[in-house]
Amino acid sequence: MARAVPGLDRHAGGVGGEPGHRIHGLRAYAGAPIRLSNGTVFGTLCGVDGCARAVTDESMAALTIIAREVAQVLERRLSASVG
């Protein structure tokens, strides 16, 4: 599930309890899981910004589509390296 946190600076612990957003001056976060076809989450495709901003549904949908594309590329590369 994709996630957006436009007012990141208002979250005491940040995302996942990490204060990195304070250290780097980040105020907005949007991320989507890179999920392989077997359901394994390989990682997260994310974007951050120093300005607090609303993330549109359209932007989240685009981020999710790109994360799926990244997963497909990774799977092709992984299968090519095994075969």
Protein backbone atom coordinates (compact mmCIF):
# COMPACT_ATOMS: atom_id res chain seq x y z
CA MET A 1 0.00 0.00 0.00
CA ALA A 2 1.36 3.39 -0.97
CA ARG A 3 1.77 5.98 1.76
CA ALA A 4 2.03 9.76 1.80
CA VAL A 5 3.00 11.96 4.74
CA PRO A 6 2.73 15.62 3.64
CA GLY A 7 3.30 17.13 7.11
CA LEU A 8 6.27 14.95 8.01
CA ASP A 9 7.73 17.59 10.32
CA ARG A 10 4.65 17.30 12.56
CA HIS A 11 5.27 13.59 13.23
CA ALA A 12 7.27 13.29 16.43
CA GLY A 13 8.96 10.03 15.52
CA GLY A 14 8.87 10.44 11.77
CA VAL A 15 8.08 7.47 9.57
CA GLY A 16 8.95 4.23 11.29
CA GLY A 17 10.14 6.08 14.40
CA GLU A 18 13.24 7.44 12.65
CA PRO A 19 14.14 11.12 13.20
CA GLY A 20 16.01 11.35 9.86
CA HIS A 21 13.46 13.80 8.51
CA ARG A 22 14.56 16.34 11.10
CA ILE A 23 18.25 15.87 10.39
CA HIS A 24 17.76 16.41 6.64
CA GLY A 25 14.98 19.00 6.78
CA LEU A 26 12.39 16.79 5.10
CA ARG A 27 8.77 17.83 5.35
CA ALA A 28 6.98 15.52 2.89
CA TYR A 29 7.25 11.82 2.06
CA ALA A 30 5.49 9.56 -0.43
CA GLY A 31 6.34 5.91 -0.97
CA ALA A 32 5.09 2.73 -2.60
CA PRO A 33 6.32 -0.81 -2.00
CA ILE A 34 8.33 -2.59 -4.67
CA ARG A 35 6.50 -5.91 -4.45
CA LEU A 36 7.70 -8.94 -6.42
CA SER A 37 5.24 -11.32 -8.08
CA ASN A 38 5.54 -13.79 -5.18
CA GLY A 39 4.39 -11.08 -2.76
CA THR A 40 7.84 -10.35 -1.29
CA VAL A 41 8.48 -6.66 -0.67
CA PHE A 42 11.91 -5.94 -2.17
CA GLY A 43 12.03 -2.34 -0.98
CA THR A 44 10.28 0.99 -1.34
CA LEU A 45 10.24 3.57 -4.10
CA CYS A 46 9.91 6.91 -2.37
CA GLY A 47 10.19 10.61 -2.82
CA VAL A 48 10.86 13.28 -0.24
CA ASP A 49 10.69 17.07 -0.23
CA GLY A 50 11.84 19.88 2.00
CA CYS A 51 8.48 21.61 1.53
CA ALA A 52 5.33 20.28 3.17
CA ARG A 53 2.93 19.61 0.33
CA ALA A 54 -0.17 17.60 -0.33
CA VAL A 55 0.37 14.52 -2.45
CA THR A 56 -2.40 14.03 -5.00
CA ASP A 57 -4.13 10.75 -5.69
CA GLU A 58 -2.78 11.02 -9.24
CA SER A 59 0.80 11.32 -7.94
CA MET A 60 0.34 8.34 -5.62
CA ALA A 61 -1.11 6.29 -8.48
CA ALA A 62 1.89 7.20 -10.66
CA LEU A 63 4.31 6.28 -7.87
CA THR A 64 2.57 2.91 -7.47
CA ILE A 65 2.75 2.23 -11.22
CA ILE A 66 6.47 3.09 -11.30
CA ALA A 67 7.08 0.81 -8.28
CA ARG A 68 5.38 -2.06 -10.18
CA GLU A 69 7.55 -1.35 -13.22
CA VAL A 70 10.69 -1.39 -11.05
CA ALA A 71 9.58 -4.76 -9.62
CA GLN A 72 9.18 -6.19 -13.14
CA VAL A 73 12.65 -4.99 -14.18
CA LEU A 74 14.17 -6.44 -11.01
CA GLU A 75 12.50 -9.80 -11.57
CA ARG A 76 13.72 -9.95 -15.19
CA ARG A 77 17.27 -9.17 -14.06
CA LEU A 78 17.11 -11.63 -11.18
CA SER A 79 15.83 -14.43 -13.40
CA ALA A 80 18.47 -13.65 -16.07
CA SER A 81 21.26 -13.86 -13.49
CA VAL A 82 20.01 -17.23 -12.22
CA GLY A 83 19.40 -18.75 -15.65
